[in-house]
């Protein structure tokens, strides 16, 4: 059984996600999704980015996509995964996980 994240961490990440304008990953037309980069965040947004990254890395689950395992976290209607210093997101219904 996976441990549940602290509610305040989830709410911090949720607030961050809601206030950001996510960038479309135009270099990956075979996997349309959006992303944010840590280096473009400051202050409260940097803290929110790091909270979301912690949710993914510490509380996310391993899922397979095109043969590769990724750790992802589902928050509301999106799945999030990270390749530091980037966090990616995609609608959960369109994520295409193999599990």
PDB file of N, CA and C in Angstrom:
ATOM      1  N   UNK A   1       0.839  -1.185   0.000  1.00  0.00           N
ATOM      2  CA  UNK A   1       0.000   0.000   0.000  1.00  0.00           C
ATOM      3  C   UNK A   1       0.886   1.253   0.000  1.00  0.00           C
ATOM      4  N   UNK A   2       0.565   2.182  -0.881  1.00  0.00           N
ATOM      5  CA  UNK A   2       1.330   3.412  -0.997  1.00  0.00           C
ATOM      6  C   UNK A   2       0.871   4.420   0.049  1.00  0.00           C
ATOM      7  N   UNK A   3       1.830   5.065   0.664  1.00  0.00           N
ATOM      8  CA  UNK A   3       1.525   6.094   1.653  1.00  0.00           C
ATOM      9  C   UNK A   3       0.891   7.305   0.968  1.00  0.00           C
ATOM     10  N   UNK A   4      -0.097   7.887   1.607  1.00  0.00           N
ATOM     11  CA  UNK A   4      -0.753   9.088   1.081  1.00  0.00           C
ATOM     12  C   UNK A   4       0.114  10.314   1.375  1.00  0.00           C
ATOM     13  N   UNK A   5       0.187  11.249   0.432  1.00  0.00           N
ATOM     14  CA  UNK A   5       0.969  12.466   0.682  1.00  0.00           C
ATOM     15  C   UNK A   5       0.253  13.379   1.670  1.00  0.00           C
ATOM     16  N   UNK A   6       1.006  14.240   2.334  1.00  0.00           N
ATOM     17  CA  UNK A   6       0.388  15.209   3.240  1.00  0.00           C
ATOM     18  C   UNK A   6      -0.567  16.124   2.463  1.00  0.00           C
ATOM     19  N   UNK A   7      -1.756  16.370   2.999  1.00  0.00           N
ATOM     20  CA  UNK A   7      -2.735  17.213   2.295  1.00  0.00           C
ATOM     21  C   UNK A   7      -2.195  18.596   1.928  1.00  0.00           C
ATOM     22  N   UNK A   8      -1.355  19.169   2.796  1.00  0.00           N
ATOM     23  CA  UNK A   8      -0.825  20.504   2.493  1.00  0.00           C
ATOM     24  C   UNK A   8       0.119  20.482   1.293  1.00  0.00           C
ATOM     25  N   UNK A   9       0.828  19.379   1.080  1.00  0.00           N
ATOM     26  CA  UNK A   9       1.691  19.239  -0.089  1.00  0.00           C
ATOM     27  C   UNK A   9       0.845  19.149  -1.354  1.00  0.00           C
ATOM     28  N   UNK A  10      -0.232  18.390  -1.284  1.00  0.00           N
ATOM     29  CA  UNK A  10      -1.149  18.252  -2.429  1.00  0.00           C
ATOM     30  C   UNK A  10      -1.766  19.603  -2.766  1.00  0.00           C
ATOM     31  N   UNK A  11      -2.198  20.335  -1.771  1.00  0.00           N
ATOM     32  CA  UNK A  11      -2.831  21.640  -2.009  1.00  0.00           C
ATOM     33  C   UNK A  11      -1.832  22.658  -2.559  1.00  0.00           C
ATOM     34  N   UNK A  12      -0.592  22.606  -2.090  1.00  0.00           N
ATOM     35  CA  UNK A  12       0.435  23.507  -2.621  1.00  0.00           C
ATOM     36  C   UNK A  12       0.674  23.210  -4.099  1.00  0.00           C
ATOM     37  N   UNK A  13       0.776  21.939  -4.443  1.00  0.00           N
ATOM     38  CA  UNK A  13       0.971  21.548  -5.844  1.00  0.00           C
ATOM     39  C   UNK A  13      -0.252  21.916  -6.677  1.00  0.00           C
ATOM     40  N   UNK A  14      -1.438  21.696  -6.148  1.00  0.00           N
ATOM     41  CA  UNK A  14      -2.681  21.999  -6.864  1.00  0.00           C
ATOM     42  C   UNK A  14      -2.767  23.503  -7.166  1.00  0.00           C
ATOM     43  N   UNK A  15      -2.412  24.332  -6.206  1.00  0.00           N
ATOM     44  CA  UNK A  15      -2.427  25.782  -6.423  1.00  0.00           C
ATOM     45  C   UNK A  15      -1.433  26.194  -7.498  1.00  0.00           C
ATOM     46  N   UNK A  16      -0.262  25.594  -7.468  1.00  0.00           N
ATOM     47  CA  UNK A  16       0.768  25.869  -8.475  1.00  0.00           C
ATOM     48  C   UNK A  16       0.265  25.509  -9.866  1.00  0.00           C
ATOM     49  N   UNK A  17      -0.258  24.301 -10.003  1.00  0.00           N
ATOM     50  CA  UNK A  17      -0.750  23.800 -11.286  1.00  0.00           C
ATOM     51  C   UNK A  17      -1.828  24.733 -11.845  1.00  0.00           C
ATOM     52  N   UNK A  18      -2.712  25.194 -10.981  1.00  0.00           N
ATOM     53  CA  UNK A  18      -3.838  26.019 -11.416  1.00  0.00           C
ATOM     54  C   UNK A  18      -3.417  27.401 -11.905  1.00  0.00           C
ATOM     55  N   UNK A  19      -2.376  27.950 -11.341  1.00  0.00           N
ATOM     56  CA  UNK A  19      -2.017  29.327 -11.700  1.00  0.00           C
ATOM     57  C   UNK A  19      -1.000  29.420 -12.834  1.00  0.00           C
ATOM     58  N   UNK A  20      -0.463  28.302 -13.272  1.00  0.00           N
ATOM     59  CA  UNK A  20       0.577  28.340 -14.301  1.00  0.00           C
ATOM     60  C   UNK A  20       0.006  28.189 -15.703  1.00  0.00           C
ATOM     61  N   UNK A  21       0.684  28.800 -16.657  1.00  0.00           N
ATOM     62  CA  UNK A  21       0.373  28.616 -18.062  1.00  0.00           C
ATOM     63  C   UNK A  21       1.394  27.611 -18.601  1.00  0.00           C
ATOM     64  N   UNK A  22       0.924  26.406 -18.866  1.00  0.00           N
ATOM     65  CA  UNK A  22       1.792  25.310 -19.277  1.00  0.00           C
ATOM     66  C   UNK A  22       2.182  25.461 -20.743  1.00  0.00           C
ATOM     67  N   UNK A  23       3.402  25.027 -21.074  1.00  0.00           N
ATOM     68  CA  UNK A  23       3.959  25.156 -22.423  1.00  0.00           C
ATOM     69  C   UNK A  23       3.705  23.862 -23.197  1.00  0.00           C
ATOM     70  N   UNK A  24       3.180  23.993 -24.414  1.00  0.00           N
ATOM     71  CA  UNK A  24       2.949  22.816 -25.249  1.00  0.00           C
ATOM     72  C   UNK A  24       4.289  22.282 -25.757  1.00  0.00           C
ATOM     73  N   UNK A  25       4.478  20.969 -25.659  1.00  0.00           N
ATOM     74  CA  UNK A  25       5.731  20.325 -26.094  1.00  0.00           C
ATOM     75  C   UNK A  25       5.664  20.055 -27.596  1.00  0.00           C
ATOM     76  N   UNK A  26       5.936  21.076 -28.390  1.00  0.00           N
ATOM     77  CA  UNK A  26       5.785  20.957 -29.845  1.00  0.00           C
ATOM     78  C   UNK A  26       6.824  20.039 -30.492  1.00  0.00           C
ATOM     79  N   UNK A  27       7.886  19.714 -29.773  1.00  0.00           N
ATOM     80  CA  UNK A  27       8.906  18.814 -30.336  1.00  0.00           C
ATOM     81  C   UNK A  27       8.516  17.343 -30.211  1.00  0.00           C
ATOM     82  N   UNK A  28       7.369  17.068 -29.595  1.00  0.00           N
ATOM     83  CA  UNK A  28       6.931  15.679 -29.416  1.00  0.00           C
ATOM     84  C   UNK A  28       5.516  15.487 -29.970  1.00  0.00           C
ATOM     85  N   UNK A  29       5.343  15.611 -31.274  1.00  0.00           N
ATOM     86  CA  UNK A  29       3.996  15.491 -31.841  1.00  0.00           C
ATOM     87  C   UNK A  29       3.374  14.103 -31.652  1.00  0.00           C
ATOM     88  N   UNK A  30       4.214  13.082 -31.442  1.00  0.00           N
ATOM     89  CA  UNK A  30       3.699  11.730 -31.214  1.00  0.00           C
ATOM     90  C   UNK A  30       3.201  11.540 -29.779  1.00  0.00           C
ATOM     91  N   UNK A  31       3.505  12.491 -28.899  1.00  0.00           N
ATOM     92  CA  UNK A  31       3.049  12.437 -27.517  1.00  0.00           C
ATOM     93  C   UNK A  31       2.678  13.854 -27.063  1.00  0.00           C
ATOM     94  N   UNK A  32       1.547  14.371 -27.539  1.00  0.00           N
ATOM     95  CA  UNK A  32       1.185  15.744 -27.176  1.00  0.00           C
ATOM     96  C   UNK A  32       0.970  15.900 -25.670  1.00  0.00           C
ATOM     97  N   UNK A  33       1.717  16.824 -25.097  1.00  0.00           N
ATOM     98  CA  UNK A  33       1.614  17.111 -23.666  1.00  0.00           C
ATOM     99  C   UNK A  33       2.167  18.516 -23.416  1.00  0.00           C
ATOM    100  N   UNK A  34       2.143  18.930 -22.158  1.00  0.00           N
ATOM    101  CA  UNK A  34       2.631  20.250 -21.760  1.00  0.00           C
ATOM    102  C   UNK A  34       3.712  20.087 -20.700  1.00  0.00           C
ATOM    103  N   UNK A  35       4.491  21.148 -20.483  1.00  0.00           N
ATOM    104  CA  UNK A  35       5.594  21.073 -19.514  1.00  0.00           C
ATOM    105  C   UNK A  35       5.890  22.432 -18.900  1.00  0.00           C
ATOM    106  N   UNK A  36       6.648  22.378 -17.802  1.00  0.00           N
ATOM    107  CA  UNK A  36       7.220  23.560 -17.156  1.00  0.00           C
ATOM    108  C   UNK A  36       8.649  23.232 -16.756  1.00  0.00           C
ATOM    109  N   UNK A  37       9.487  24.262 -16.688  1.00  0.00           N
ATOM    110  CA  UNK A  37      10.898  24.097 -16.345  1.00  0.00           C
ATOM    111  C   UNK A  37      11.176  24.800 -15.013  1.00  0.00           C
ATOM    112  N   UNK A  38      11.888  24.120 -14.136  1.00  0.00           N
ATOM    113  CA  UNK A  38      12.211  24.667 -12.819  1.00  0.00           C
ATOM    114  C   UNK A  38      12.901  26.024 -12.922  1.00  0.00           C
ATOM    115  N   UNK A  39      13.829  26.185 -13.853  1.00  0.00           N
ATOM    116  CA  UNK A  39      14.616  27.412 -13.942  1.00  0.00           C
ATOM    117  C   UNK A  39      13.771  28.637 -14.292  1.00  0.00           C
ATOM    118  N   UNK A  40      12.541  28.426 -14.754  1.00  0.00           N
ATOM    119  CA  UNK A  40      11.660  29.543 -15.088  1.00  0.00           C
ATOM    120  C   UNK A  40      10.735  29.913 -13.923  1.00  0.00           C
ATOM    121  N   UNK A  41      10.929  29.264 -12.772  1.00  0.00           N
ATOM    122  CA  UNK A  41      10.072  29.487 -11.616  1.00  0.00           C
ATOM    123  C   UNK A  41      10.842  30.259 -10.545  1.00  0.00           C
ATOM    124  N   UNK A  42      10.126  31.096  -9.812  1.00  0.00           N
ATOM    125  CA  UNK A  42      10.758  31.790  -8.689  1.00  0.00           C
ATOM    126  C   UNK A  42       9.738  31.968  -7.573  1.00  0.00           C
ATOM    127  N   UNK A  43      10.229  32.219  -6.377  1.00  0.00           N
ATOM    128  CA  UNK A  43       9.375  32.478  -5.230  1.00  0.00           C
ATOM    129  C   UNK A  43       8.378  31.363  -4.970  1.00  0.00           C
ATOM    130  N   UNK A  44       7.113  31.756  -4.848  1.00  0.00           N
ATOM    131  CA  UNK A  44       6.041  30.804  -4.566  1.00  0.00           C
ATOM    132  C   UNK A  44       5.901  29.762  -5.676  1.00  0.00           C
ATOM    133  N   UNK A  45       6.149  30.167  -6.920  1.00  0.00           N
ATOM    134  CA  UNK A  45       6.060  29.212  -8.029  1.00  0.00           C
ATOM    135  C   UNK A  45       7.168  28.166  -7.962  1.00  0.00           C
ATOM    136  N   UNK A  46       8.346  28.567  -7.560  1.00  0.00           N
ATOM    137  CA  UNK A  46       9.427  27.588  -7.393  1.00  0.00           C
ATOM    138  C   UNK A  46       9.065  26.581  -6.298  1.00  0.00           C
ATOM    139  N   UNK A  47       8.517  27.069  -5.208  1.00  0.00           N
ATOM    140  CA  UNK A  47       8.087  26.180  -4.128  1.00  0.00           C
ATOM    141  C   UNK A  47       6.999  25.225  -4.606  1.00  0.00           C
ATOM    142  N   UNK A  48       6.060  25.733  -5.394  1.00  0.00           N
ATOM    143  CA  UNK A  48       5.000  24.884  -5.940  1.00  0.00           C
ATOM    144  C   UNK A  48       5.528  23.841  -6.898  1.00  0.00           C
ATOM    145  N   UNK A  49       6.481  24.234  -7.729  1.00  0.00           N
ATOM    146  CA  UNK A  49       7.117  23.293  -8.653  1.00  0.00           C
ATOM    147  C   UNK A  49       7.770  22.165  -7.859  1.00  0.00           C
ATOM    148  N   UNK A  50       8.524  22.525  -6.828  1.00  0.00           N
ATOM    149  CA  UNK A  50       9.217  21.521  -6.023  1.00  0.00           C
ATOM    150  C   UNK A  50       8.233  20.638  -5.262  1.00  0.00           C
ATOM    151  N   UNK A  51       7.095  21.194  -4.841  1.00  0.00           N
ATOM    152  CA  UNK A  51       6.064  20.390  -4.185  1.00  0.00           C
ATOM    153  C   UNK A  51       5.496  19.359  -5.155  1.00  0.00           C
ATOM    154  N   UNK A  52       5.210  19.780  -6.376  1.00  0.00           N
ATOM    155  CA  UNK A  52       4.696  18.854  -7.384  1.00  0.00           C
ATOM    156  C   UNK A  52       5.736  17.793  -7.720  1.00  0.00           C
ATOM    157  N   UNK A  53       6.984  18.207  -7.833  1.00  0.00           N
ATOM    158  CA  UNK A  53       8.051  17.243  -8.113  1.00  0.00           C
ATOM    159  C   UNK A  53       8.167  16.218  -6.977  1.00  0.00           C
ATOM    160  N   UNK A  54       8.016  16.665  -5.742  1.00  0.00           N
ATOM    161  CA  UNK A  54       8.055  15.737  -4.612  1.00  0.00           C
ATOM    162  C   UNK A  54       6.879  14.756  -4.671  1.00  0.00           C
ATOM    163  N   UNK A  55       5.698  15.246  -5.019  1.00  0.00           N
ATOM    164  CA  UNK A  55       4.553  14.341  -5.168  1.00  0.00           C
ATOM    165  C   UNK A  55       4.854  13.243  -6.183  1.00  0.00           C
ATOM    166  N   UNK A  56       5.435  13.632  -7.293  1.00  0.00           N
ATOM    167  CA  UNK A  56       5.750  12.664  -8.351  1.00  0.00           C
ATOM    168  C   UNK A  56       6.791  11.663  -7.858  1.00  0.00           C
ATOM    169  N   UNK A  57       7.898  12.173  -7.354  1.00  0.00           N
ATOM    170  CA  UNK A  57       9.034  11.310  -7.012  1.00  0.00           C
ATOM    171  C   UNK A  57       8.783  10.458  -5.764  1.00  0.00           C
ATOM    172  N   UNK A  58       8.086  11.008  -4.795  1.00  0.00           N
ATOM    173  CA  UNK A  58       7.920  10.307  -3.525  1.00  0.00           C
ATOM    174  C   UNK A  58       6.612   9.518  -3.423  1.00  0.00           C
ATOM    175  N   UNK A  59       5.556  10.030  -4.067  1.00  0.00           N
ATOM    176  CA  UNK A  59       4.246   9.415  -3.917  1.00  0.00           C
ATOM    177  C   UNK A  59       3.665   8.881  -5.229  1.00  0.00           C
ATOM    178  N   UNK A  60       4.368   9.117  -6.316  1.00  0.00           N
ATOM    179  CA  UNK A  60       3.889   8.639  -7.607  1.00  0.00           C
ATOM    180  C   UNK A  60       4.078   7.138  -7.750  1.00  0.00           C
ATOM    181  N   UNK A  61       3.497   6.601  -8.797  1.00  0.00           N
ATOM    182  CA  UNK A  61       3.655   5.167  -9.041  1.00  0.00           C
ATOM    183  C   UNK A  61       4.360   4.949 -10.366  1.00  0.00           C
ATOM    184  N   UNK A  62       5.034   3.825 -10.457  1.00  0.00           N
ATOM    185  CA  UNK A  62       5.746   3.490 -11.683  1.00  0.00           C
ATOM    186  C   UNK A  62       4.744   2.978 -12.709  1.00  0.00           C
ATOM    187  N   UNK A  63       4.850   3.543 -13.915  1.00  0.00           N
ATOM    188  CA  UNK A  63       3.962   3.161 -15.010  1.00  0.00           C
ATOM    189  C   UNK A  63       4.788   3.042 -16.281  1.00  0.00           C
ATOM    190  N   UNK A  64       4.332   2.193 -17.150  1.00  0.00           N
ATOM    191  CA  UNK A  64       5.062   1.946 -18.393  1.00  0.00           C
ATOM    192  C   UNK A  64       4.412   2.716 -19.540  1.00  0.00           C
ATOM    193  N   UNK A  65       5.268   3.367 -20.336  1.00  0.00           N
ATOM    194  CA  UNK A  65       4.829   4.055 -21.546  1.00  0.00           C
ATOM    195  C   UNK A  65       5.834   3.724 -22.633  1.00  0.00           C
ATOM    196  N   UNK A  66       5.383   3.085 -23.670  1.00  0.00           N
ATOM    197  CA  UNK A  66       6.240   2.676 -24.792  1.00  0.00           C
ATOM    198  C   UNK A  66       7.480   1.924 -24.317  1.00  0.00           C
ATOM    199  N   UNK A  67       7.266   1.033 -23.362  1.00  0.00           N
ATOM    200  CA  UNK A  67       8.329   0.154 -22.888  1.00  0.00           C
ATOM    201  C   UNK A  67       9.237   0.728 -21.818  1.00  0.00           C
ATOM    202  N   UNK A  68       9.087   1.998 -21.476  1.00  0.00           N
ATOM    203  CA  UNK A  68       9.933   2.634 -20.466  1.00  0.00           C
ATOM    204  C   UNK A  68       9.116   2.898 -19.209  1.00  0.00           C
ATOM    205  N   UNK A  69       9.716   2.639 -18.049  1.00  0.00           N
ATOM    206  CA  UNK A  69       9.043   2.927 -16.779  1.00  0.00           C
ATOM    207  C   UNK A  69       9.243   4.392 -16.396  1.00  0.00           C
ATOM    208  N   UNK A  70       8.151   5.027 -16.011  1.00  0.00           N
ATOM    209  CA  UNK A  70       8.163   6.404 -15.550  1.00  0.00           C
ATOM    210  C   UNK A  70       7.422   6.455 -14.226  1.00  0.00           C
ATOM    211  N   UNK A  71       7.837   7.312 -13.339  1.00  0.00           N
ATOM    212  CA  UNK A  71       7.088   7.529 -12.102  1.00  0.00           C
ATOM    213  C   UNK A  71       6.146   8.696 -12.378  1.00  0.00           C
ATOM    214  N   UNK A  72       4.863   8.476 -12.131  1.00  0.00           N
ATOM    215  CA  UNK A  72       3.875   9.524 -12.398  1.00  0.00           C
ATOM    216  C   UNK A  72       2.954   9.695 -11.197  1.00  0.00           C
ATOM    217  N   UNK A  73       2.365  10.874 -11.138  1.00  0.00           N
ATOM    218  CA  UNK A  73       1.403  11.179 -10.083  1.00  0.00           C
ATOM    219  C   UNK A  73       0.162  11.760 -10.744  1.00  0.00           C
ATOM    220  N   UNK A  74      -0.992  11.263 -10.353  1.00  0.00           N
ATOM    221  CA  UNK A  74      -2.254  11.778 -10.874  1.00  0.00           C
ATOM    222  C   UNK A  74      -2.811  12.791  -9.888  1.00  0.00           C
ATOM    223  N   UNK A  75      -3.032  13.997 -10.387  1.00  0.00           N
ATOM    224  CA  UNK A  75      -3.618  15.072  -9.590  1.00  0.00           C
ATOM    225  C   UNK A  75      -4.809  15.598 -10.368  1.00  0.00           C
ATOM    226  N   UNK A  76      -5.979  15.396  -9.792  1.00  0.00           N
ATOM    227  CA  UNK A  76      -7.230  15.782 -10.438  1.00  0.00           C
ATOM    228  C   UNK A  76      -7.330  15.067 -11.797  1.00  0.00           C
ATOM    229  N   UNK A  77      -7.381  15.784 -12.902  1.00  0.00           N
ATOM    230  CA  UNK A  77      -7.604  15.129 -14.194  1.00  0.00           C
ATOM    231  C   UNK A  77      -6.350  15.032 -15.060  1.00  0.00           C
ATOM    232  N   UNK A  78      -5.180  15.272 -14.472  1.00  0.00           N
ATOM    233  CA  UNK A  78      -3.922  15.187 -15.222  1.00  0.00           C
ATOM    234  C   UNK A  78      -2.952  14.206 -14.562  1.00  0.00           C
ATOM    235  N   UNK A  79      -2.101  13.622 -15.390  1.00  0.00           N
ATOM    236  CA  UNK A  79      -0.970  12.831 -14.914  1.00  0.00           C
ATOM    237  C   UNK A  79       0.282  13.673 -15.098  1.00  0.00           C
ATOM    238  N   UNK A  80       1.182  13.600 -14.119  1.00  0.00           N
ATOM    239  CA  UNK A  80       2.413  14.388 -14.111  1.00  0.00           C
ATOM    240  C   UNK A  80       3.599  13.450 -14.004  1.00  0.00           C
ATOM    241  N   UNK A  81       4.657  13.716 -14.745  1.00  0.00           N
ATOM    242  CA  UNK A  81       5.901  12.976 -14.621  1.00  0.00           C
ATOM    243  C   UNK A  81       7.040  13.965 -14.801  1.00  0.00           C
ATOM    244  N   UNK A  82       8.193  13.599 -14.276  1.00  0.00           N
ATOM    245  CA  UNK A  82       9.299  14.550 -14.283  1.00  0.00           C
ATOM    246  C   UNK A  82      10.564  13.954 -14.880  1.00  0.00           C
ATOM    247  N   UNK A  83      11.244  14.786 -15.616  1.00  0.00           N
ATOM    248  CA  UNK A  83      12.610  14.540 -16.071  1.00  0.00           C
ATOM    249  C   UNK A  83      13.344  15.806 -15.633  1.00  0.00           C
ATOM    250  N   UNK A  84      13.843  15.807 -14.374  1.00  0.00           N
ATOM    251  CA  UNK A  84      14.404  17.043 -13.827  1.00  0.00           C
ATOM    252  C   UNK A  84      15.372  17.708 -14.808  1.00  0.00           C
ATOM    253  N   UNK A  85      15.236  19.004 -14.970  1.00  0.00           N
ATOM    254  CA  UNK A  85      14.454  19.993 -14.227  1.00  0.00           C
ATOM    255  C   UNK A  85      13.079  20.300 -14.851  1.00  0.00           C
ATOM    256  N   UNK A  86      12.465  19.343 -15.522  1.00  0.00           N
ATOM    257  CA  UNK A  86      11.188  19.557 -16.215  1.00  0.00           C
ATOM    258  C   UNK A  86      10.090  18.718 -15.558  1.00  0.00           C
ATOM    259  N   UNK A  87       8.896  19.281 -15.479  1.00  0.00           N
ATOM    260  CA  UNK A  87       7.701  18.513 -15.118  1.00  0.00           C
ATOM    261  C   UNK A  87       6.782  18.546 -16.328  1.00  0.00           C
ATOM    262  N   UNK A  88       6.305  17.367 -16.699  1.00  0.00           N
ATOM    263  CA  UNK A  88       5.392  17.208 -17.824  1.00  0.00           C
ATOM    264  C   UNK A  88       4.002  16.893 -17.307  1.00  0.00           C
ATOM    265  N   UNK A  89       2.989  17.197 -18.128  1.00  0.00           N
ATOM    266  CA  UNK A  89       1.628  16.829 -17.755  1.00  0.00           C
ATOM    267  C   UNK A  89       0.804  16.529 -18.997  1.00  0.00           C
ATOM    268  N   UNK A  90      -0.196  15.670 -18.778  1.00  0.00           N
ATOM    269  CA  UNK A  90      -1.099  15.270 -19.841  1.00  0.00           C
ATOM    270  C   UNK A  90      -2.417  14.871 -19.196  1.00  0.00           C
ATOM    271  N   UNK A  91      -3.513  15.102 -19.892  1.00  0.00           N
ATOM    272  CA  UNK A  91      -4.792  14.658 -19.372  1.00  0.00           C
ATOM    273  C   UNK A  91      -4.722  13.159 -19.080  1.00  0.00           C
ATOM    274  N   UNK A  92      -5.197  12.759 -17.922  1.00  0.00           N
ATOM    275  CA  UNK A  92      -5.117  11.348 -17.536  1.00  0.00           C
ATOM    276  C   UNK A  92      -5.785  10.445 -18.554  1.00  0.00           C
ATOM    277  N   UNK A  93      -6.909  10.876 -19.095  1.00  0.00           N
ATOM    278  CA  UNK A  93      -7.651  10.062 -20.061  1.00  0.00           C
ATOM    279  C   UNK A  93      -6.874   9.859 -21.371  1.00  0.00           C
ATOM    280  N   UNK A  94      -5.863  10.694 -21.616  1.00  0.00           N
ATOM    281  CA  UNK A  94      -5.085  10.613 -22.858  1.00  0.00           C
ATOM    282  C   UNK A  94      -3.642  10.176 -22.624  1.00  0.00           C
ATOM    283  N   UNK A  95      -3.303   9.821 -21.389  1.00  0.00           N
ATOM    284  CA  UNK A  95      -1.905   9.549 -21.042  1.00  0.00           C
ATOM    285  C   UNK A  95      -1.325   8.347 -21.778  1.00  0.00           C
ATOM    286  N   UNK A  96      -2.113   7.322 -21.995  1.00  0.00           N
ATOM    287  CA  UNK A  96      -1.635   6.172 -22.758  1.00  0.00           C
ATOM    288  C   UNK A  96      -0.707   5.238 -22.023  1.00  0.00           C
ATOM    289  N   UNK A  97      -0.804   5.200 -20.695  1.00  0.00           N
ATOM    290  CA  UNK A  97       0.023   4.257 -19.932  1.00  0.00           C
ATOM    291  C   UNK A  97      -0.339   2.834 -20.346  1.00  0.00           C
ATOM    292  N   UNK A  98       0.628   1.955 -20.286  1.00  0.00           N
ATOM    293  CA  UNK A  98       0.411   0.564 -20.698  1.00  0.00           C
ATOM    294  C   UNK A  98      -0.125  -0.320 -19.598  1.00  0.00           C
ATOM    295  N   UNK A  99      -0.265   0.191 -18.377  1.00  0.00           N
ATOM    296  CA  UNK A  99      -0.747  -0.643 -17.279  1.00  0.00           C
ATOM    297  C   UNK A  99      -2.234  -0.535 -17.075  1.00  0.00           C
TER     298      UNK A  99
END
